[in-house]
Amino acid sequence: MMGDEGAELMGKSMKDIGNLGSEEDVDHYGCTSWCNFEYYELDFGWGKPVWVSNVAVDGDVLMNFIILIDTRCDRGIEAWVTLDEQEMNILEQDPDLLALASLDPSPLQI
């Protein structure tokens, strides 16, 4: 995963995964957990991170994907969720979710 070849390989792998469920009649969702990896304890010489996030990839490679990660203050779990606009609107209106979660909180407060 080091160097330019690593990023290129990761992008290709993500596209291949996306193609697995690209048939019109197939709904697919991916999920991964980055919990307990202690990303907020990493220090490369300029201090510990204020906020950890996933890598940005152009297109819909990460569509229908959920990434779970510990919050900076260890008071919860942050969920990065990518859905199409219609499904995201439904999720954002779900009363059960809204009772338990904060949508788009500031990374400085979590």
C-alpha atoms as a PDB file:
ATOM      1  CA  MET A   1       0.000   0.000   0.000  1.00  0.00           C
ATOM      2  CA  MET A   2       3.026   2.299  -0.077  1.00  0.00           C
ATOM      3  CA  GLY A   3       3.691   4.807  -2.847  1.00  0.00           C
ATOM      4  CA  ASP A   4       1.574   5.717  -5.856  1.00  0.00           C
ATOM      5  CA  GLU A   5       0.978   2.075  -6.723  1.00  0.00           C
ATOM      6  CA  GLY A   6      -0.705   1.463  -3.372  1.00  0.00           C
ATOM      7  CA  ALA A   7      -3.250   4.251  -3.807  1.00  0.00           C
ATOM      8  CA  GLU A   8      -3.928   3.105  -7.369  1.00  0.00           C
ATOM      9  CA  LEU A   9      -4.413  -0.495  -6.215  1.00  0.00           C
ATOM     10  CA  MET A  10      -6.773   0.607  -3.436  1.00  0.00           C
ATOM     11  CA  GLY A  11      -8.853   2.639  -5.911  1.00  0.00           C
ATOM     12  CA  LYS A  12      -9.058  -0.309  -8.320  1.00  0.00           C
ATOM     13  CA  SER A  13     -10.047  -2.667  -5.498  1.00  0.00           C
ATOM     14  CA  MET A  14     -12.816  -0.317  -4.364  1.00  0.00           C
ATOM     15  CA  LYS A  15     -14.150  -0.067  -7.920  1.00  0.00           C
ATOM     16  CA  ASP A  16     -14.088  -3.868  -8.259  1.00  0.00           C
ATOM     17  CA  ILE A  17     -16.044  -4.194  -5.020  1.00  0.00           C
ATOM     18  CA  GLY A  18     -18.572  -1.642  -6.286  1.00  0.00           C
ATOM     19  CA  ASN A  19     -18.979  -3.562  -9.532  1.00  0.00           C
ATOM     20  CA  LEU A  20     -19.894  -6.741  -7.641  1.00  0.00           C
ATOM     21  CA  GLY A  21     -23.252  -5.308  -6.686  1.00  0.00           C
ATOM     22  CA  SER A  22     -23.855  -3.033  -9.641  1.00  0.00           C
ATOM     23  CA  GLU A  23     -26.633  -5.138 -11.137  1.00  0.00           C
ATOM     24  CA  GLU A  24     -29.888  -3.188 -11.247  1.00  0.00           C
ATOM     25  CA  ASP A  25     -31.870  -5.607  -9.082  1.00  0.00           C
ATOM     26  CA  VAL A  26     -29.237  -5.918  -6.362  1.00  0.00           C
ATOM     27  CA  ASP A  27     -29.095  -3.672  -3.299  1.00  0.00           C
ATOM     28  CA  HIS A  28     -25.692  -3.897  -1.693  1.00  0.00           C
ATOM     29  CA  TYR A  29     -24.245  -2.201   1.364  1.00  0.00           C
ATOM     30  CA  GLY A  30     -20.714  -2.422   2.666  1.00  0.00           C
ATOM     31  CA  CYS A  31     -19.674  -1.887   6.262  1.00  0.00           C
ATOM     32  CA  THR A  32     -16.370  -1.743   8.072  1.00  0.00           C
ATOM     33  CA  SER A  33     -15.296  -0.822  11.575  1.00  0.00           C
ATOM     34  CA  TRP A  34     -12.223   1.224  12.405  1.00  0.00           C
ATOM     35  CA  CYS A  35     -13.073   1.081  16.115  1.00  0.00           C
ATOM     36  CA  ASN A  36     -10.270   0.310  18.577  1.00  0.00           C
ATOM     37  CA  PHE A  37      -7.520   1.211  16.086  1.00  0.00           C
ATOM     38  CA  GLU A  38      -6.608   4.225  18.260  1.00  0.00           C
ATOM     39  CA  TYR A  39      -6.208   6.623  15.313  1.00  0.00           C
ATOM     40  CA  TYR A  40      -6.555   9.572  17.687  1.00  0.00           C
ATOM     41  CA  GLU A  41      -3.425   8.456  19.542  1.00  0.00           C
ATOM     42  CA  LEU A  42      -1.205   8.703  16.434  1.00  0.00           C
ATOM     43  CA  ASP A  43       1.351  11.516  16.402  1.00  0.00           C
ATOM     44  CA  PHE A  44       3.589  12.027  13.389  1.00  0.00           C
ATOM     45  CA  GLY A  45       5.406  14.944  14.994  1.00  0.00           C
ATOM     46  CA  TRP A  46       2.800  17.693  14.715  1.00  0.00           C
ATOM     47  CA  GLY A  47       0.420  16.498  17.414  1.00  0.00           C
ATOM     48  CA  LYS A  48      -2.494  14.123  17.644  1.00  0.00           C
ATOM     49  CA  PRO A  49      -5.301  14.539  15.090  1.00  0.00           C
ATOM     50  CA  VAL A  50      -8.376  16.611  15.856  1.00  0.00           C
ATOM     51  CA  TRP A  51     -10.507  14.575  13.472  1.00  0.00           C
ATOM     52  CA  VAL A  52      -9.982  11.319  11.566  1.00  0.00           C
ATOM     53  CA  SER A  53     -11.908  10.626   8.376  1.00  0.00           C
ATOM     54  CA  ASN A  54     -11.938   8.299   5.416  1.00  0.00           C
ATOM     55  CA  VAL A  55     -10.212   8.984   2.104  1.00  0.00           C
ATOM     56  CA  ALA A  56     -12.155  10.804  -0.618  1.00  0.00           C
ATOM     57  CA  VAL A  57     -12.668   8.887  -3.856  1.00  0.00           C
ATOM     58  CA  ASP A  58     -14.332  10.352  -6.944  1.00  0.00           C
ATOM     59  CA  GLY A  59     -17.553   8.818  -8.227  1.00  0.00           C
ATOM     60  CA  ASP A  60     -19.833   6.354  -6.524  1.00  0.00           C
ATOM     61  CA  VAL A  61     -17.127   3.890  -5.484  1.00  0.00           C
ATOM     62  CA  LEU A  62     -18.054   4.207  -1.814  1.00  0.00           C
ATOM     63  CA  MET A  63     -21.826   4.442  -2.361  1.00  0.00           C
ATOM     64  CA  ASN A  64     -23.915   2.407   0.093  1.00  0.00           C
ATOM     65  CA  PHE A  65     -20.991   2.145   2.479  1.00  0.00           C
ATOM     66  CA  ILE A  66     -20.722   2.573   6.251  1.00  0.00           C
ATOM     67  CA  ILE A  67     -17.516   3.215   8.179  1.00  0.00           C
ATOM     68  CA  LEU A  68     -17.624   3.120  11.975  1.00  0.00           C
ATOM     69  CA  ILE A  69     -14.891   4.832  14.011  1.00  0.00           C
ATOM     70  CA  ASP A  70     -14.438   5.796  17.656  1.00  0.00           C
ATOM     71  CA  THR A  71     -14.959   9.459  18.455  1.00  0.00           C
ATOM     72  CA  ARG A  72     -12.009  11.545  19.583  1.00  0.00           C
ATOM     73  CA  CYS A  73     -13.250  11.701  23.180  1.00  0.00           C
ATOM     74  CA  ASP A  74     -14.200   7.993  23.374  1.00  0.00           C
ATOM     75  CA  ARG A  75     -17.817   8.925  24.121  1.00  0.00           C
ATOM     76  CA  GLY A  76     -19.344   7.193  21.149  1.00  0.00           C
ATOM     77  CA  ILE A  77     -18.973   5.947  17.624  1.00  0.00           C
ATOM     78  CA  GLU A  78     -19.004   8.054  14.497  1.00  0.00           C
ATOM     79  CA  ALA A  79     -20.663   6.514  11.433  1.00  0.00           C
ATOM     80  CA  TRP A  80     -19.688   7.663   7.950  1.00  0.00           C
ATOM     81  CA  VAL A  81     -22.642   6.697   5.767  1.00  0.00           C
ATOM     82  CA  THR A  82     -22.826   7.170   2.000  1.00  0.00           C
ATOM     83  CA  LEU A  83     -26.184   6.624   0.328  1.00  0.00           C
ATOM     84  CA  ASP A  84     -27.915   8.036  -2.704  1.00  0.00           C
ATOM     85  CA  GLU A  85     -29.885  11.211  -2.041  1.00  0.00           C
ATOM     86  CA  GLN A  86     -33.296   9.529  -1.773  1.00  0.00           C
ATOM     87  CA  GLU A  87     -32.133   6.893   0.728  1.00  0.00           C
ATOM     88  CA  MET A  88     -30.152   9.480   2.734  1.00  0.00           C
ATOM     89  CA  ASN A  89     -33.270  11.653   3.044  1.00  0.00           C
ATOM     90  CA  ILE A  90     -35.191   8.662   4.430  1.00  0.00           C
ATOM     91  CA  LEU A  91     -32.390   7.840   6.896  1.00  0.00           C
ATOM     92  CA  GLU A  92     -32.116  11.455   8.080  1.00  0.00           C
ATOM     93  CA  GLN A  93     -35.850  11.496   8.908  1.00  0.00           C
ATOM     94  CA  ASP A  94     -35.888   8.187  10.797  1.00  0.00           C
ATOM     95  CA  PRO A  95     -37.183   8.884  14.332  1.00  0.00           C
ATOM     96  CA  ASP A  96     -35.341   5.909  15.857  1.00  0.00           C
ATOM     97  CA  LEU A  97     -32.025   7.151  14.459  1.00  0.00           C
ATOM     98  CA  LEU A  98     -32.701  10.749  15.484  1.00  0.00           C
ATOM     99  CA  ALA A  99     -33.443   9.616  19.056  1.00  0.00           C
ATOM    100  CA  LEU A 100     -29.960   8.090  19.350  1.00  0.00           C
ATOM    101  CA  ALA A 101     -27.701  10.049  17.011  1.00  0.00           C
ATOM    102  CA  SER A 102     -26.523  13.530  16.102  1.00  0.00           C
ATOM    103  CA  LEU A 103     -26.441  14.250  12.388  1.00  0.00           C
ATOM    104  CA  ASP A 104     -23.330  16.085  11.147  1.00  0.00           C
ATOM    105  CA  PRO A 105     -21.899  17.099  14.543  1.00  0.00           C
ATOM    106  CA  SER A 106     -18.838  19.304  14.632  1.00  0.00           C
ATOM    107  CA  PRO A 107     -15.642  17.212  14.803  1.00  0.00           C
ATOM    108  CA  LEU A 108     -14.441  19.557  17.524  1.00  0.00           C
ATOM    109  CA  GLN A 109     -17.287  18.475  19.810  1.00  0.00           C
ATOM    110  CA  ILE A 110     -17.217  14.708  19.346  1.00  0.00           C
END
